[in-house]
């Protein structure tokens, strides 16, 4: 039996990376669920990821984007050596959360309030371009841009 992949489908040209992104997303989703997080749409092309990071300071957190993957890491300084806990129910372990970002989605900023880390994302929507290809020329000769209410040939 032959395995059909996204990148190998004959009508999906140039989507070879799609399967790799899906696999990376599945791997990032695996884990123990710590820390818990929410993802919300705050506008048509804006999103917010919120992680519950109680006990972490801003200096304990690192946010990076690596090959269209948002990676949030947390590591607290080891100050517990001097403290004696009778019960330790508040997690103080290191974590890493990853989110695969679609093409055009960028990090707009990050903030912390009340033990919650907010990472804001925005999607840049490119202007739609229609290319007119003349037979026999081997290249595009004209472009019609669709933006707002106006259409014109370039």
C-alpha atoms as a PDB file:
ATOM      1  CA  UNK A   1       0.000   0.000   0.000  1.00  0.00           C
ATOM      2  CA  UNK A   2       1.333   3.447  -0.950  1.00  0.00           C
ATOM      3  CA  UNK A   3       1.237   6.249   1.600  1.00  0.00           C
ATOM      4  CA  UNK A   4      -0.340   9.413   0.183  1.00  0.00           C
ATOM      5  CA  UNK A   5       1.146  12.571   1.623  1.00  0.00           C
ATOM      6  CA  UNK A   6       0.142  16.238   1.332  1.00  0.00           C
ATOM      7  CA  UNK A   7       3.327  17.148  -0.507  1.00  0.00           C
ATOM      8  CA  UNK A   8       2.935  14.237  -2.923  1.00  0.00           C
ATOM      9  CA  UNK A   9      -0.603  15.023  -4.073  1.00  0.00           C
ATOM     10  CA  UNK A  10      -0.494  15.934  -7.792  1.00  0.00           C
ATOM     11  CA  UNK A  11      -2.770  18.977  -7.443  1.00  0.00           C
ATOM     12  CA  UNK A  12      -0.949  20.532  -4.484  1.00  0.00           C
ATOM     13  CA  UNK A  13       2.085  22.118  -6.110  1.00  0.00           C
ATOM     14  CA  UNK A  14       4.657  23.747  -3.857  1.00  0.00           C
ATOM     15  CA  UNK A  15       3.159  22.417  -0.599  1.00  0.00           C
ATOM     16  CA  UNK A  16       5.995  20.015   0.223  1.00  0.00           C
ATOM     17  CA  UNK A  17       6.536  21.678   3.597  1.00  0.00           C
ATOM     18  CA  UNK A  18       2.903  21.206   4.662  1.00  0.00           C
ATOM     19  CA  UNK A  19       3.386  17.629   5.829  1.00  0.00           C
ATOM     20  CA  UNK A  20       6.518  18.603   7.770  1.00  0.00           C
ATOM     21  CA  UNK A  21       4.596  21.433   9.475  1.00  0.00           C
ATOM     22  CA  UNK A  22       1.762  19.071  10.423  1.00  0.00           C
ATOM     23  CA  UNK A  23       4.222  16.553  11.885  1.00  0.00           C
ATOM     24  CA  UNK A  24       6.005  19.290  13.832  1.00  0.00           C
ATOM     25  CA  UNK A  25       2.670  20.539  15.158  1.00  0.00           C
ATOM     26  CA  UNK A  26       1.683  17.064  16.349  1.00  0.00           C
ATOM     27  CA  UNK A  27       5.031  16.639  18.134  1.00  0.00           C
ATOM     28  CA  UNK A  28       4.664  20.057  19.790  1.00  0.00           C
ATOM     29  CA  UNK A  29       1.168  19.159  21.027  1.00  0.00           C
ATOM     30  CA  UNK A  30       2.443  16.049  22.800  1.00  0.00           C
ATOM     31  CA  UNK A  31       3.540  16.389  26.369  1.00  0.00           C
ATOM     32  CA  UNK A  32       2.169  16.754  29.844  1.00  0.00           C
ATOM     33  CA  UNK A  33      -0.050  19.812  29.353  1.00  0.00           C
ATOM     34  CA  UNK A  34       2.131  22.118  31.456  1.00  0.00           C
ATOM     35  CA  UNK A  35       1.705  25.005  31.515  1.00  0.00           C
ATOM     36  CA  UNK A  36      -1.945  25.276  30.500  1.00  0.00           C
ATOM     37  CA  UNK A  37      -2.733  27.758  27.745  1.00  0.00           C
ATOM     38  CA  UNK A  38      -5.538  29.417  25.783  1.00  0.00           C
ATOM     39  CA  UNK A  39      -5.595  30.531  22.159  1.00  0.00           C
ATOM     40  CA  UNK A  40      -8.140  33.146  21.158  1.00  0.00           C
ATOM     41  CA  UNK A  41      -9.003  35.182  18.099  1.00  0.00           C
ATOM     42  CA  UNK A  42      -9.034  38.830  19.214  1.00  0.00           C
ATOM     43  CA  UNK A  43      -9.766  40.270  15.752  1.00  0.00           C
ATOM     44  CA  UNK A  44     -10.127  39.031  12.182  1.00  0.00           C
ATOM     45  CA  UNK A  45      -6.356  38.742  11.666  1.00  0.00           C
ATOM     46  CA  UNK A  46      -5.108  38.825  15.255  1.00  0.00           C
ATOM     47  CA  UNK A  47      -4.648  36.066  17.828  1.00  0.00           C
ATOM     48  CA  UNK A  48      -3.530  35.821  21.448  1.00  0.00           C
ATOM     49  CA  UNK A  49      -1.855  32.880  23.153  1.00  0.00           C
ATOM     50  CA  UNK A  50      -2.109  33.027  26.949  1.00  0.00           C
ATOM     51  CA  UNK A  51      -0.026  30.739  29.180  1.00  0.00           C
ATOM     52  CA  UNK A  52      -0.538  30.339  32.927  1.00  0.00           C
ATOM     53  CA  UNK A  53       2.985  30.948  34.265  1.00  0.00           C
ATOM     54  CA  UNK A  54       2.366  31.584  37.965  1.00  0.00           C
ATOM     55  CA  UNK A  55       5.637  31.920  39.855  1.00  0.00           C
ATOM     56  CA  UNK A  56       7.712  32.808  36.784  1.00  0.00           C
ATOM     57  CA  UNK A  57       9.270  36.235  36.322  1.00  0.00           C
ATOM     58  CA  UNK A  58       9.799  37.878  32.945  1.00  0.00           C
ATOM     59  CA  UNK A  59      13.518  37.042  33.244  1.00  0.00           C
ATOM     60  CA  UNK A  60      12.630  33.342  33.639  1.00  0.00           C
ATOM     61  CA  UNK A  61      10.879  33.245  30.243  1.00  0.00           C
ATOM     62  CA  UNK A  62      12.214  33.231  26.682  1.00  0.00           C
ATOM     63  CA  UNK A  63      10.138  33.657  23.518  1.00  0.00           C
ATOM     64  CA  UNK A  64      11.694  32.870  20.138  1.00  0.00           C
ATOM     65  CA  UNK A  65      10.549  32.212  16.590  1.00  0.00           C
ATOM     66  CA  UNK A  66      12.577  29.486  14.890  1.00  0.00           C
ATOM     67  CA  UNK A  67      11.668  28.468  11.317  1.00  0.00           C
ATOM     68  CA  UNK A  68       8.007  29.597  11.618  1.00  0.00           C
ATOM     69  CA  UNK A  69       7.694  27.923  15.020  1.00  0.00           C
ATOM     70  CA  UNK A  70       6.931  30.015  18.105  1.00  0.00           C
ATOM     71  CA  UNK A  71       8.796  28.538  21.078  1.00  0.00           C
ATOM     72  CA  UNK A  72       8.109  29.664  24.655  1.00  0.00           C
ATOM     73  CA  UNK A  73      10.510  28.403  27.326  1.00  0.00           C
ATOM     74  CA  UNK A  74      10.440  28.854  31.070  1.00  0.00           C
ATOM     75  CA  UNK A  75      13.097  28.046  33.645  1.00  0.00           C
ATOM     76  CA  UNK A  76      13.048  29.331  37.208  1.00  0.00           C
ATOM     77  CA  UNK A  77      16.211  30.088  39.121  1.00  0.00           C
ATOM     78  CA  UNK A  78      16.979  27.402  41.694  1.00  0.00           C
ATOM     79  CA  UNK A  79      16.173  29.340  44.871  1.00  0.00           C
ATOM     80  CA  UNK A  80      14.421  26.382  46.509  1.00  0.00           C
ATOM     81  CA  UNK A  81      17.711  25.010  47.871  1.00  0.00           C
ATOM     82  CA  UNK A  82      17.506  27.308  50.914  1.00  0.00           C
ATOM     83  CA  UNK A  83      13.789  26.677  51.472  1.00  0.00           C
ATOM     84  CA  UNK A  84      12.221  23.728  53.286  1.00  0.00           C
ATOM     85  CA  UNK A  85       8.826  22.748  51.871  1.00  0.00           C
ATOM     86  CA  UNK A  86       6.347  20.781  53.959  1.00  0.00           C
ATOM     87  CA  UNK A  87       4.150  20.500  50.854  1.00  0.00           C
ATOM     88  CA  UNK A  88       5.012  21.584  47.332  1.00  0.00           C
ATOM     89  CA  UNK A  89       1.934  21.814  45.132  1.00  0.00           C
ATOM     90  CA  UNK A  90       2.973  24.757  42.946  1.00  0.00           C
ATOM     91  CA  UNK A  91       4.899  23.538  39.941  1.00  0.00           C
ATOM     92  CA  UNK A  92       8.303  25.142  39.518  1.00  0.00           C
ATOM     93  CA  UNK A  93       9.615  22.988  36.711  1.00  0.00           C
ATOM     94  CA  UNK A  94      11.044  24.097  33.397  1.00  0.00           C
ATOM     95  CA  UNK A  95       8.803  23.957  30.348  1.00  0.00           C
ATOM     96  CA  UNK A  96       8.777  24.439  26.605  1.00  0.00           C
ATOM     97  CA  UNK A  97       5.656  25.113  24.521  1.00  0.00           C
ATOM     98  CA  UNK A  98       5.777  25.268  20.723  1.00  0.00           C
ATOM     99  CA  UNK A  99       3.251  26.582  18.209  1.00  0.00           C
ATOM    100  CA  UNK A 100       3.629  26.319  14.430  1.00  0.00           C
ATOM    101  CA  UNK A 101       2.872  29.657  12.744  1.00  0.00           C
ATOM    102  CA  UNK A 102       1.260  29.857   9.321  1.00  0.00           C
ATOM    103  CA  UNK A 103       2.865  31.851   6.524  1.00  0.00           C
ATOM    104  CA  UNK A 104       2.309  35.553   7.199  1.00  0.00           C
ATOM    105  CA  UNK A 105       1.651  35.188  10.957  1.00  0.00           C
ATOM    106  CA  UNK A 106       4.110  37.153  13.082  1.00  0.00           C
ATOM    107  CA  UNK A 107       4.547  37.908  16.776  1.00  0.00           C
ATOM    108  CA  UNK A 108       3.236  41.411  17.491  1.00  0.00           C
ATOM    109  CA  UNK A 109       4.337  41.514  21.131  1.00  0.00           C
ATOM    110  CA  UNK A 110       4.237  39.887  24.556  1.00  0.00           C
ATOM    111  CA  UNK A 111       3.191  40.993  28.038  1.00  0.00           C
ATOM    112  CA  UNK A 112       2.657  39.573  31.517  1.00  0.00           C
ATOM    113  CA  UNK A 113      -0.097  40.332  33.998  1.00  0.00           C
ATOM    114  CA  UNK A 114      -1.410  38.468  37.051  1.00  0.00           C
ATOM    115  CA  UNK A 115       0.669  35.329  36.366  1.00  0.00           C
ATOM    116  CA  UNK A 116      -0.418  35.106  32.728  1.00  0.00           C
ATOM    117  CA  UNK A 117       1.913  35.455  29.744  1.00  0.00           C
ATOM    118  CA  UNK A 118       0.165  36.922  26.691  1.00  0.00           C
ATOM    119  CA  UNK A 119       1.741  36.531  23.243  1.00  0.00           C
ATOM    120  CA  UNK A 120      -0.029  38.535  20.550  1.00  0.00           C
ATOM    121  CA  UNK A 121       0.098  37.410  16.912  1.00  0.00           C
ATOM    122  CA  UNK A 122      -0.986  39.172  13.741  1.00  0.00           C
ATOM    123  CA  UNK A 123      -1.547  37.913  10.218  1.00  0.00           C
ATOM    124  CA  UNK A 124      -0.413  40.072   7.322  1.00  0.00           C
ATOM    125  CA  UNK A 125      -2.882  39.505   4.493  1.00  0.00           C
ATOM    126  CA  UNK A 126      -1.125  40.000   1.131  1.00  0.00           C
ATOM    127  CA  UNK A 127      -2.796  41.829  -1.718  1.00  0.00           C
ATOM    128  CA  UNK A 128      -4.349  39.410  -4.194  1.00  0.00           C
ATOM    129  CA  UNK A 129      -2.743  39.383  -7.641  1.00  0.00           C
ATOM    130  CA  UNK A 130      -4.188  37.721 -10.734  1.00  0.00           C
ATOM    131  CA  UNK A 131      -1.658  36.925 -13.453  1.00  0.00           C
ATOM    132  CA  UNK A 132      -2.659  36.734 -17.109  1.00  0.00           C
ATOM    133  CA  UNK A 133      -0.512  34.209 -18.978  1.00  0.00           C
ATOM    134  CA  UNK A 134      -0.359  34.506 -22.756  1.00  0.00           C
ATOM    135  CA  UNK A 135       0.044  31.235 -24.587  1.00  0.00           C
ATOM    136  CA  UNK A 136       3.389  30.873 -26.308  1.00  0.00           C
ATOM    137  CA  UNK A 137       5.183  33.550 -24.286  1.00  0.00           C
ATOM    138  CA  UNK A 138       6.298  31.301 -21.427  1.00  0.00           C
ATOM    139  CA  UNK A 139       5.890  34.108 -18.893  1.00  0.00           C
ATOM    140  CA  UNK A 140       3.288  36.357 -17.330  1.00  0.00           C
ATOM    141  CA  UNK A 141       2.688  39.513 -19.339  1.00  0.00           C
ATOM    142  CA  UNK A 142       0.144  41.359 -17.264  1.00  0.00           C
ATOM    143  CA  UNK A 143      -1.099  41.483 -13.704  1.00  0.00           C
ATOM    144  CA  UNK A 144      -4.442  42.601 -12.411  1.00  0.00           C
ATOM    145  CA  UNK A 145      -4.435  43.609  -8.765  1.00  0.00           C
ATOM    146  CA  UNK A 146      -7.530  43.191  -6.636  1.00  0.00           C
ATOM    147  CA  UNK A 147      -7.415  45.490  -3.663  1.00  0.00           C
ATOM    148  CA  UNK A 148     -10.418  47.198  -2.158  1.00  0.00           C
ATOM    149  CA  UNK A 149     -12.908  48.428  -4.781  1.00  0.00           C
ATOM    150  CA  UNK A 150     -10.402  49.203  -7.525  1.00  0.00           C
ATOM    151  CA  UNK A 151      -9.105  46.819 -10.171  1.00  0.00           C
ATOM    152  CA  UNK A 152      -6.549  47.794 -12.782  1.00  0.00           C
ATOM    153  CA  UNK A 153      -4.014  46.267 -15.108  1.00  0.00           C
ATOM    154  CA  UNK A 154      -0.357  46.807 -14.359  1.00  0.00           C
END
